[in-house]
């Protein structure tokens, strides 16, 4: 079984993917972690790396290559905005979230590679990042993101606990 979990930053992709992989005893992959790792490899912050990705298409192509390479696996859960595109035979989940709630989650996560002075700065960065990604996905893949019609299941995570979200997904993917 292959499950791809998509959504904007802060929608819960990583948390939900990890929980699903544990419950289903499947490998877990995160394209967000791949991005953060690539940024560290280059000695850049995630914000700097994201800015570079606006003009350097090789960044996206390297992430694409890494995602496609995972498709040879027998079963896994992947959190990736474009996983539905690169792993078309997966069960495709899209997690929606209110932008302010997404910013709150990111700000409170205290990620070492992402530092914001306050919630407003985090929200501004999040809005810019979402818009930048929409433009890149359209230019590189002709995808209007988010494209909820491409998914097998769409869940609004704004007011739900991770356990509730995982339960909804498991109800749909049980074989």
N, C-alpha and C. Protein backbone atom coordinates (compact mmCIF):
# COMPACT_ATOMS: atom_id res chain seq x y z
N UNK A 1 0.84 -1.17 0.00
CA UNK A 1 0.00 0.00 0.00
C UNK A 1 0.88 1.24 0.00
N UNK A 2 0.56 2.18 -0.87
CA UNK A 2 1.25 3.47 -0.93
C UNK A 2 0.23 4.56 -0.63
N UNK A 3 0.59 5.43 0.29
CA UNK A 3 -0.28 6.54 0.66
C UNK A 3 0.53 7.82 0.54
N UNK A 4 0.00 8.79 -0.18
CA UNK A 4 0.64 10.11 -0.25
C UNK A 4 -0.28 11.11 0.44
N UNK A 5 0.33 11.96 1.26
CA UNK A 5 -0.41 12.94 2.04
C UNK A 5 0.07 14.32 1.60
N UNK A 6 -0.86 15.12 1.10
CA UNK A 6 -0.54 16.45 0.58
C UNK A 6 -1.26 17.52 1.39
N UNK A 7 -0.87 18.76 1.20
CA UNK A 7 -1.47 19.91 1.85
C UNK A 7 -0.44 21.01 1.97
N UNK A 8 -0.87 22.19 2.38
CA UNK A 8 0.09 23.28 2.54
C UNK A 8 0.92 23.04 3.80
N UNK A 9 1.95 23.84 3.96
CA UNK A 9 2.77 23.80 5.16
C UNK A 9 1.86 24.03 6.37
N UNK A 10 2.01 23.20 7.40
CA UNK A 10 1.23 23.37 8.61
C UNK A 10 -0.11 22.66 8.61
N UNK A 11 -0.39 21.91 7.55
CA UNK A 11 -1.68 21.20 7.48
C UNK A 11 -1.67 19.91 8.29
N UNK A 12 -0.49 19.43 8.63
CA UNK A 12 -0.38 18.21 9.42
C UNK A 12 0.19 17.04 8.65
N UNK A 13 0.72 17.28 7.47
CA UNK A 13 1.22 16.20 6.61
C UNK A 13 2.22 15.28 7.32
N UNK A 14 3.22 15.87 7.94
CA UNK A 14 4.27 15.07 8.55
C UNK A 14 3.74 14.29 9.74
N UNK A 15 3.02 14.95 10.61
CA UNK A 15 2.46 14.28 11.79
C UNK A 15 1.56 13.12 11.39
N UNK A 16 0.66 13.37 10.46
CA UNK A 16 -0.30 12.35 10.03
C UNK A 16 0.42 11.21 9.31
N UNK A 17 1.39 11.54 8.49
CA UNK A 17 2.13 10.50 7.76
C UNK A 17 2.88 9.60 8.72
N UNK A 18 3.53 10.18 9.72
CA UNK A 18 4.25 9.38 10.71
C UNK A 18 3.29 8.46 11.46
N UNK A 19 2.15 9.01 11.87
CA UNK A 19 1.18 8.20 12.61
C UNK A 19 0.63 7.07 11.73
N UNK A 20 0.34 7.37 10.47
CA UNK A 20 -0.15 6.34 9.55
C UNK A 20 0.89 5.24 9.35
N UNK A 21 2.14 5.64 9.16
CA UNK A 21 3.19 4.65 8.92
C UNK A 21 3.35 3.73 10.13
N UNK A 22 3.22 4.29 11.33
CA UNK A 22 3.30 3.46 12.54
C UNK A 22 2.12 2.50 12.63
N UNK A 23 0.92 3.01 12.39
CA UNK A 23 -0.28 2.17 12.49
C UNK A 23 -0.31 1.07 11.43
N UNK A 24 0.21 1.37 10.23
CA UNK A 24 0.17 0.41 9.13
C UNK A 24 1.49 -0.35 8.97
N UNK A 25 2.46 -0.04 9.82
CA UNK A 25 3.78 -0.67 9.75
C UNK A 25 4.40 -0.50 8.36
N UNK A 26 4.39 0.75 7.89
CA UNK A 26 4.96 1.09 6.59
C UNK A 26 6.09 2.11 6.78
N UNK A 27 7.00 2.14 5.83
CA UNK A 27 8.07 3.14 5.82
C UNK A 27 7.44 4.53 5.67
N UNK A 28 8.09 5.56 6.24
CA UNK A 28 7.59 6.93 6.15
C UNK A 28 8.64 7.82 5.51
N UNK A 29 8.20 8.65 4.56
CA UNK A 29 9.10 9.60 3.89
C UNK A 29 8.47 10.99 3.93
N UNK A 30 9.34 12.01 3.98
CA UNK A 30 8.88 13.39 4.03
C UNK A 30 9.68 14.24 3.04
N UNK A 31 8.98 14.82 2.07
CA UNK A 31 9.66 15.69 1.13
C UNK A 31 10.06 16.99 1.83
N UNK A 32 9.29 17.41 2.82
CA UNK A 32 9.69 18.58 3.61
C UNK A 32 11.02 18.35 4.29
N UNK A 33 11.22 17.14 4.82
CA UNK A 33 12.51 16.82 5.44
C UNK A 33 13.61 16.79 4.38
N UNK A 34 13.27 16.27 3.19
CA UNK A 34 14.26 16.28 2.11
C UNK A 34 14.69 17.71 1.79
N UNK A 35 13.70 18.63 1.75
CA UNK A 35 14.02 20.04 1.49
C UNK A 35 14.89 20.62 2.59
N UNK A 36 14.51 20.37 3.84
CA UNK A 36 15.30 20.90 4.95
C UNK A 36 16.71 20.33 4.93
N UNK A 37 16.84 19.04 4.61
CA UNK A 37 18.17 18.43 4.53
C UNK A 37 19.00 19.06 3.41
N UNK A 38 18.36 19.30 2.25
CA UNK A 38 19.07 19.93 1.14
C UNK A 38 19.53 21.33 1.52
N UNK A 39 18.67 22.07 2.23
CA UNK A 39 19.04 23.42 2.67
C UNK A 39 20.26 23.36 3.58
N UNK A 40 20.26 22.42 4.53
CA UNK A 40 21.39 22.27 5.46
C UNK A 40 22.65 21.90 4.68
N UNK A 41 22.51 20.99 3.71
CA UNK A 41 23.66 20.58 2.89
C UNK A 41 24.30 21.79 2.21
N UNK A 42 23.47 22.76 1.83
CA UNK A 42 23.95 23.96 1.15
C UNK A 42 24.30 25.09 2.12
N UNK A 43 24.13 24.84 3.42
CA UNK A 43 24.43 25.86 4.42
C UNK A 43 23.45 27.02 4.42
N UNK A 44 22.18 26.74 4.08
CA UNK A 44 21.17 27.79 3.99
C UNK A 44 20.02 27.51 4.94
N UNK A 45 19.31 28.58 5.28
CA UNK A 45 18.07 28.40 6.04
C UNK A 45 17.01 27.90 5.08
N UNK A 46 15.93 27.35 5.62
CA UNK A 46 14.83 26.91 4.76
C UNK A 46 14.26 28.09 3.98
N UNK A 47 14.17 29.24 4.60
CA UNK A 47 13.65 30.42 3.91
C UNK A 47 14.55 30.80 2.73
N UNK A 48 15.86 30.78 2.93
CA UNK A 48 16.80 31.09 1.83
C UNK A 48 16.68 30.04 0.73
N UNK A 49 16.60 28.79 1.12
CA UNK A 49 16.49 27.69 0.17
C UNK A 49 15.21 27.82 -0.66
N UNK A 50 14.10 28.16 0.00
CA UNK A 50 12.82 28.35 -0.69
C UNK A 50 12.92 29.50 -1.68
N UNK A 51 13.59 30.58 -1.29
CA UNK A 51 13.80 31.71 -2.20
C UNK A 51 14.61 31.26 -3.42
N UNK A 52 15.65 30.49 -3.20
CA UNK A 52 16.47 29.98 -4.31
C UNK A 52 15.65 29.14 -5.27
N UNK A 53 14.71 28.37 -4.72
CA UNK A 53 13.89 27.48 -5.55
C UNK A 53 13.01 28.25 -6.52
N UNK A 54 12.76 29.52 -6.25
CA UNK A 54 11.95 30.34 -7.15
C UNK A 54 12.61 30.46 -8.53
N UNK A 55 13.93 30.51 -8.54
CA UNK A 55 14.65 30.73 -9.80
C UNK A 55 15.51 29.54 -10.22
N UNK A 56 15.79 28.64 -9.31
CA UNK A 56 16.65 27.49 -9.62
C UNK A 56 15.78 26.24 -9.74
N UNK A 57 15.39 25.89 -10.94
CA UNK A 57 14.51 24.74 -11.19
C UNK A 57 15.17 23.42 -10.81
N UNK A 58 16.49 23.40 -10.74
CA UNK A 58 17.19 22.18 -10.39
C UNK A 58 16.82 21.70 -8.98
N UNK A 59 16.45 22.62 -8.11
CA UNK A 59 16.03 22.24 -6.76
C UNK A 59 14.78 21.38 -6.84
N UNK A 60 13.78 21.84 -7.58
CA UNK A 60 12.56 21.05 -7.75
C UNK A 60 12.86 19.72 -8.44
N UNK A 61 13.69 19.75 -9.45
CA UNK A 61 13.98 18.53 -10.20
C UNK A 61 14.70 17.49 -9.33
N UNK A 62 15.56 17.96 -8.41
CA UNK A 62 16.23 17.03 -7.50
C UNK A 62 15.22 16.43 -6.52
N UNK A 63 14.32 17.25 -6.01
CA UNK A 63 13.26 16.73 -5.12
C UNK A 63 12.38 15.73 -5.89
N UNK A 64 12.08 16.04 -7.14
CA UNK A 64 11.28 15.13 -7.98
C UNK A 64 11.99 13.78 -8.13
N UNK A 65 13.29 13.85 -8.42
CA UNK A 65 14.07 12.63 -8.60
C UNK A 65 14.02 11.78 -7.34
N UNK A 66 14.18 12.41 -6.20
CA UNK A 66 14.17 11.68 -4.93
C UNK A 66 12.79 11.05 -4.66
N UNK A 67 11.73 11.76 -5.02
CA UNK A 67 10.38 11.20 -4.83
C UNK A 67 10.15 10.01 -5.76
N UNK A 68 10.49 10.19 -7.03
CA UNK A 68 10.28 9.10 -8.00
C UNK A 68 11.04 7.85 -7.59
N UNK A 69 12.23 8.03 -7.04
CA UNK A 69 13.05 6.89 -6.62
C UNK A 69 12.34 6.07 -5.54
N UNK A 70 11.51 6.71 -4.75
CA UNK A 70 10.79 6.00 -3.69
C UNK A 70 9.67 5.12 -4.23
N UNK A 71 9.19 5.40 -5.43
CA UNK A 71 8.04 4.69 -5.97
C UNK A 71 8.31 3.22 -6.20
N UNK A 72 9.57 2.82 -6.20
CA UNK A 72 9.87 1.41 -6.40
C UNK A 72 9.61 0.58 -5.15
N UNK A 73 9.41 1.26 -4.02
CA UNK A 73 9.14 0.55 -2.77
C UNK A 73 7.77 -0.11 -2.79
N UNK A 74 7.63 -1.16 -1.99
CA UNK A 74 6.36 -1.90 -1.97
C UNK A 74 5.27 -1.18 -1.23
N UNK A 75 5.59 -0.55 -0.15
CA UNK A 75 4.59 0.16 0.62
C UNK A 75 5.22 1.24 1.45
N UNK A 76 4.58 2.39 1.52
CA UNK A 76 5.10 3.50 2.30
C UNK A 76 4.02 4.56 2.45
N UNK A 77 4.30 5.49 3.33
CA UNK A 77 3.50 6.70 3.49
C UNK A 77 4.45 7.87 3.22
N UNK A 78 4.04 8.79 2.36
CA UNK A 78 4.88 9.93 2.03
C UNK A 78 4.11 11.23 2.22
N UNK A 79 4.71 12.16 2.96
CA UNK A 79 4.11 13.49 3.00
C UNK A 79 4.83 14.34 1.96
N UNK A 80 4.04 14.81 1.01
CA UNK A 80 4.58 15.56 -0.13
C UNK A 80 3.45 16.29 -0.81
N UNK A 81 3.64 17.57 -1.04
CA UNK A 81 2.60 18.30 -1.75
C UNK A 81 2.31 17.69 -3.12
N UNK A 82 3.33 17.19 -3.80
CA UNK A 82 3.15 16.65 -5.14
C UNK A 82 3.24 15.13 -5.20
N UNK A 83 3.18 14.48 -4.07
CA UNK A 83 3.24 13.02 -4.05
C UNK A 83 2.16 12.39 -4.91
N UNK A 84 0.97 12.97 -4.92
CA UNK A 84 -0.12 12.44 -5.75
C UNK A 84 0.26 12.41 -7.22
N UNK A 85 1.09 13.33 -7.63
CA UNK A 85 1.53 13.46 -9.02
C UNK A 85 2.65 12.46 -9.35
N UNK A 86 3.60 12.32 -8.43
CA UNK A 86 4.75 11.45 -8.67
C UNK A 86 4.47 9.99 -8.33
N UNK A 87 3.49 9.73 -7.50
CA UNK A 87 3.13 8.37 -7.11
C UNK A 87 1.64 8.19 -7.44
N UNK A 88 1.29 8.14 -8.71
CA UNK A 88 -0.12 8.15 -9.11
C UNK A 88 -0.92 6.93 -8.65
N UNK A 89 -0.24 5.84 -8.33
CA UNK A 89 -0.96 4.63 -7.89
C UNK A 89 -1.15 4.60 -6.38
N UNK A 90 -0.85 5.72 -5.71
CA UNK A 90 -1.02 5.79 -4.26
C UNK A 90 -2.47 6.15 -3.91
N UNK A 91 -2.83 5.90 -2.64
CA UNK A 91 -4.07 6.44 -2.10
C UNK A 91 -3.72 7.87 -1.74
N UNK A 92 -4.37 8.84 -2.37
CA UNK A 92 -3.99 10.25 -2.31
C UNK A 92 -4.89 11.02 -1.33
N UNK A 93 -4.25 11.58 -0.29
CA UNK A 93 -4.96 12.32 0.76
C UNK A 93 -4.53 13.79 0.69
N UNK A 94 -5.52 14.69 0.76
CA UNK A 94 -5.22 16.12 0.82
C UNK A 94 -5.73 16.66 2.15
N UNK A 95 -4.84 17.34 2.89
CA UNK A 95 -5.20 17.94 4.17
C UNK A 95 -5.33 19.45 4.00
N UNK A 96 -6.54 19.94 4.21
CA UNK A 96 -6.81 21.38 4.16
C UNK A 96 -6.62 21.96 5.56
N UNK A 97 -6.32 23.25 5.63
CA UNK A 97 -6.20 23.92 6.92
C UNK A 97 -6.34 25.42 6.72
N UNK A 98 -6.91 26.08 7.71
CA UNK A 98 -6.96 27.53 7.73
C UNK A 98 -5.53 28.07 7.83
N UNK A 99 -5.22 29.10 7.06
CA UNK A 99 -3.85 29.63 6.99
C UNK A 99 -3.35 30.13 8.36
N UNK A 100 -4.20 30.75 9.15
CA UNK A 100 -3.78 31.23 10.47
C UNK A 100 -3.45 30.04 11.38
N UNK A 101 -4.27 29.00 11.31
CA UNK A 101 -3.99 27.81 12.11
C UNK A 101 -2.68 27.15 11.66
N UNK A 102 -2.44 27.12 10.35
CA UNK A 102 -1.19 26.55 9.84
C UNK A 102 0.00 27.34 10.38
N UNK A 103 -0.09 28.65 10.36
CA UNK A 103 1.01 29.49 10.88
C UNK A 103 1.20 29.25 12.37
N UNK A 104 0.11 29.14 13.11
CA UNK A 104 0.21 28.88 14.56
C UNK A 104 0.96 27.56 14.81
N UNK A 105 0.60 26.53 14.04
CA UNK A 105 1.26 25.22 14.21
C UNK A 105 2.75 25.32 13.93
N UNK A 106 3.10 25.98 12.84
CA UNK A 106 4.51 26.10 12.46
C UNK A 106 5.27 26.90 13.52
N UNK A 107 4.69 28.02 13.95
CA UNK A 107 5.34 28.88 14.94
C UNK A 107 5.57 28.12 16.24
N UNK A 108 4.59 27.34 16.66
CA UNK A 108 4.69 26.61 17.92
C UNK A 108 5.54 25.34 17.83
N UNK A 109 5.84 24.90 16.62
CA UNK A 109 6.63 23.68 16.45
C UNK A 109 8.10 23.88 16.84
N UNK A 110 8.55 25.12 16.86
CA UNK A 110 9.95 25.41 17.23
C UNK A 110 10.94 24.60 16.41
N UNK A 111 10.74 24.58 15.10
CA UNK A 111 11.69 23.89 14.23
C UNK A 111 13.00 24.66 14.24
N UNK A 112 14.07 23.94 14.43
CA UNK A 112 15.38 24.60 14.58
C UNK A 112 15.79 25.36 13.32
N UNK A 113 15.36 24.91 12.16
CA UNK A 113 15.76 25.56 10.92
C UNK A 113 14.78 26.65 10.47
N UNK A 114 13.71 26.87 11.24
CA UNK A 114 12.74 27.90 10.92
C UNK A 114 12.50 28.74 12.17
N UNK A 115 12.95 29.98 12.13
CA UNK A 115 12.78 30.87 13.28
C UNK A 115 12.00 32.11 12.86
N UNK A 116 11.00 32.46 13.66
CA UNK A 116 10.17 33.63 13.40
C UNK A 116 10.08 34.42 14.70
N UNK A 117 10.08 35.75 14.58
CA UNK A 117 10.01 36.58 15.79
C UNK A 117 8.62 36.54 16.42
N UNK A 118 7.58 36.34 15.59
CA UNK A 118 6.22 36.26 16.11
C UNK A 118 5.31 35.55 15.11
N UNK A 119 4.08 35.35 15.49
CA UNK A 119 3.11 34.64 14.65
C UNK A 119 2.85 35.39 13.35
N UNK A 120 2.81 36.71 13.39
CA UNK A 120 2.55 37.50 12.18
C UNK A 120 3.65 37.29 11.14
N UNK A 121 4.91 37.27 11.58
CA UNK A 121 6.01 37.04 10.66
C UNK A 121 5.89 35.64 10.04
N UNK A 122 5.53 34.67 10.85
CA UNK A 122 5.36 33.30 10.37
C UNK A 122 4.23 33.23 9.34
N UNK A 123 3.11 33.91 9.61
CA UNK A 123 1.98 33.92 8.69
C UNK A 123 2.36 34.58 7.37
N UNK A 124 3.07 35.70 7.43
CA UNK A 124 3.52 36.37 6.20
C UNK A 124 4.40 35.45 5.37
N UNK A 125 5.35 34.78 6.03
CA UNK A 125 6.23 33.86 5.32
C UNK A 125 5.43 32.71 4.71
N UNK A 126 4.50 32.18 5.47
CA UNK A 126 3.68 31.07 4.99
C UNK A 126 2.89 31.47 3.74
N UNK A 127 2.28 32.63 3.76
CA UNK A 127 1.51 33.10 2.59
C UNK A 127 2.40 33.23 1.36
N UNK A 128 3.59 33.80 1.56
CA UNK A 128 4.53 33.95 0.44
C UNK A 128 4.97 32.59 -0.08
N UNK A 129 5.24 31.68 0.83
CA UNK A 129 5.69 30.34 0.42
C UNK A 129 4.62 29.60 -0.36
N UNK A 130 3.38 29.68 0.09
CA UNK A 130 2.28 29.02 -0.60
C UNK A 130 2.12 29.59 -2.01
N UNK A 131 2.18 30.92 -2.14
CA UNK A 131 2.05 31.55 -3.46
C UNK A 131 3.22 31.18 -4.37
N UNK A 132 4.43 31.17 -3.82
CA UNK A 132 5.61 30.78 -4.59
C UNK A 132 5.48 29.35 -5.10
N UNK A 133 5.02 28.45 -4.23
CA UNK A 133 4.87 27.05 -4.63
C UNK A 133 3.80 26.90 -5.70
N UNK A 134 2.70 27.63 -5.59
CA UNK A 134 1.65 27.58 -6.61
C UNK A 134 2.22 27.95 -7.97
N UNK A 135 3.01 29.01 -8.01
CA UNK A 135 3.61 29.46 -9.27
C UNK A 135 4.57 28.41 -9.81
N UNK A 136 5.44 27.87 -8.94
CA UNK A 136 6.40 26.85 -9.38
C UNK A 136 5.70 25.60 -9.91
N UNK A 137 4.66 25.14 -9.21
CA UNK A 137 3.96 23.92 -9.63
C UNK A 137 3.26 24.12 -10.96
N UNK A 138 2.77 25.32 -11.19
CA UNK A 138 2.12 25.62 -12.48
C UNK A 138 3.18 25.65 -13.59
N UNK A 139 4.29 26.32 -13.34
CA UNK A 139 5.34 26.43 -14.34
C UNK A 139 5.99 25.09 -14.65
N UNK A 140 6.30 24.32 -13.62
CA UNK A 140 7.04 23.08 -13.82
C UNK A 140 6.17 21.89 -14.22
N UNK A 141 4.93 21.84 -13.72
CA UNK A 141 4.12 20.63 -13.89
C UNK A 141 2.74 20.88 -14.47
N UNK A 142 2.41 22.16 -14.70
CA UNK A 142 1.08 22.56 -15.16
C UNK A 142 -0.01 22.08 -14.19
N UNK A 143 0.29 22.23 -12.90
CA UNK A 143 -0.65 21.84 -11.84
C UNK A 143 -1.13 23.10 -11.13
N UNK A 144 -2.44 23.25 -11.01
CA UNK A 144 -3.03 24.33 -10.22
C UNK A 144 -3.22 23.81 -8.81
N UNK A 145 -2.26 24.11 -7.95
CA UNK A 145 -2.28 23.60 -6.58
C UNK A 145 -2.91 24.62 -5.66
N UNK A 146 -3.78 24.23 -4.75
CA UNK A 146 -4.23 22.86 -4.52
C UNK A 146 -5.32 22.46 -5.51
N UNK A 147 -5.31 21.21 -5.87
CA UNK A 147 -6.27 20.66 -6.84
C UNK A 147 -6.97 19.49 -6.18
N UNK A 148 -7.92 19.80 -5.32
CA UNK A 148 -8.56 18.80 -4.48
C UNK A 148 -9.21 17.67 -5.27
N UNK A 149 -9.58 17.93 -6.51
CA UNK A 149 -10.23 16.89 -7.32
C UNK A 149 -9.29 15.75 -7.69
N UNK A 150 -8.00 15.91 -7.47
CA UNK A 150 -7.01 14.87 -7.80
C UNK A 150 -6.81 13.87 -6.66
N UNK A 151 -7.54 14.05 -5.55
CA UNK A 151 -7.30 13.24 -4.36
C UNK A 151 -8.46 12.29 -4.08
N UNK A 152 -8.11 11.18 -3.44
CA UNK A 152 -9.10 10.18 -3.05
C UNK A 152 -9.86 10.61 -1.79
N UNK A 153 -9.22 11.43 -0.96
CA UNK A 153 -9.81 11.87 0.29
C UNK A 153 -9.30 13.27 0.62
N UNK A 154 -10.22 14.17 1.00
CA UNK A 154 -9.88 15.53 1.40
C UNK A 154 -10.41 15.73 2.81
N UNK A 155 -9.53 16.20 3.72
CA UNK A 155 -9.91 16.40 5.12
C UNK A 155 -9.48 17.80 5.56
N UNK A 156 -10.39 18.54 6.18
CA UNK A 156 -10.04 19.83 6.77
C UNK A 156 -9.52 19.54 8.18
N UNK A 157 -8.24 19.84 8.41
CA UNK A 157 -7.59 19.51 9.68
C UNK A 157 -7.65 20.64 10.70
N UNK A 158 -8.22 21.78 10.33
CA UNK A 158 -8.18 22.97 11.17
C UNK A 158 -8.61 22.69 12.61
N UNK A 159 -9.72 22.01 12.78
CA UNK A 159 -10.27 21.79 14.12
C UNK A 159 -10.30 20.31 14.51
N UNK A 160 -9.41 19.51 13.93
CA UNK A 160 -9.39 18.07 14.24
C UNK A 160 -8.07 17.68 14.87
N UNK A 161 -8.13 16.68 15.70
CA UNK A 161 -6.91 16.15 16.32
C UNK A 161 -6.24 15.20 15.32
N UNK A 162 -4.95 15.00 15.47
CA UNK A 162 -4.27 14.04 14.60
C UNK A 162 -4.92 12.65 14.64
N UNK A 163 -5.35 12.22 15.83
CA UNK A 163 -6.00 10.92 15.95
C UNK A 163 -7.28 10.82 15.13
N UNK A 164 -8.07 11.89 15.13
CA UNK A 164 -9.30 11.91 14.33
C UNK A 164 -8.99 11.81 12.84
N UNK A 165 -7.96 12.54 12.41
CA UNK A 165 -7.58 12.56 11.00
C UNK A 165 -7.09 11.19 10.56
N UNK A 166 -6.22 10.60 11.36
CA UNK A 166 -5.71 9.26 11.03
C UNK A 166 -6.87 8.26 10.98
N UNK A 167 -7.80 8.37 11.92
CA UNK A 167 -8.97 7.48 11.92
C UNK A 167 -9.78 7.59 10.63
N UNK A 168 -9.99 8.82 10.16
CA UNK A 168 -10.72 9.02 8.90
C UNK A 168 -9.99 8.37 7.72
N UNK A 169 -8.69 8.52 7.70
CA UNK A 169 -7.91 7.95 6.60
C UNK A 169 -7.95 6.43 6.66
N UNK A 170 -7.74 5.88 7.83
CA UNK A 170 -7.74 4.42 7.99
C UNK A 170 -9.11 3.82 7.61
N UNK A 171 -10.19 4.53 7.91
CA UNK A 171 -11.52 4.06 7.52
C UNK A 171 -11.64 3.91 6.01
N UNK A 172 -10.94 4.78 5.26
CA UNK A 172 -11.02 4.76 3.79
C UNK A 172 -10.02 3.81 3.13
N UNK A 173 -8.89 3.55 3.77
CA UNK A 173 -7.86 2.73 3.12
C UNK A 173 -7.87 1.27 3.57
N UNK A 174 -8.69 0.91 4.49
CA UNK A 174 -8.73 -0.49 4.94
C UNK A 174 -9.00 -1.41 3.75
N UNK A 175 -8.21 -2.46 3.70
CA UNK A 175 -8.37 -3.43 2.59
C UNK A 175 -8.87 -4.75 3.11
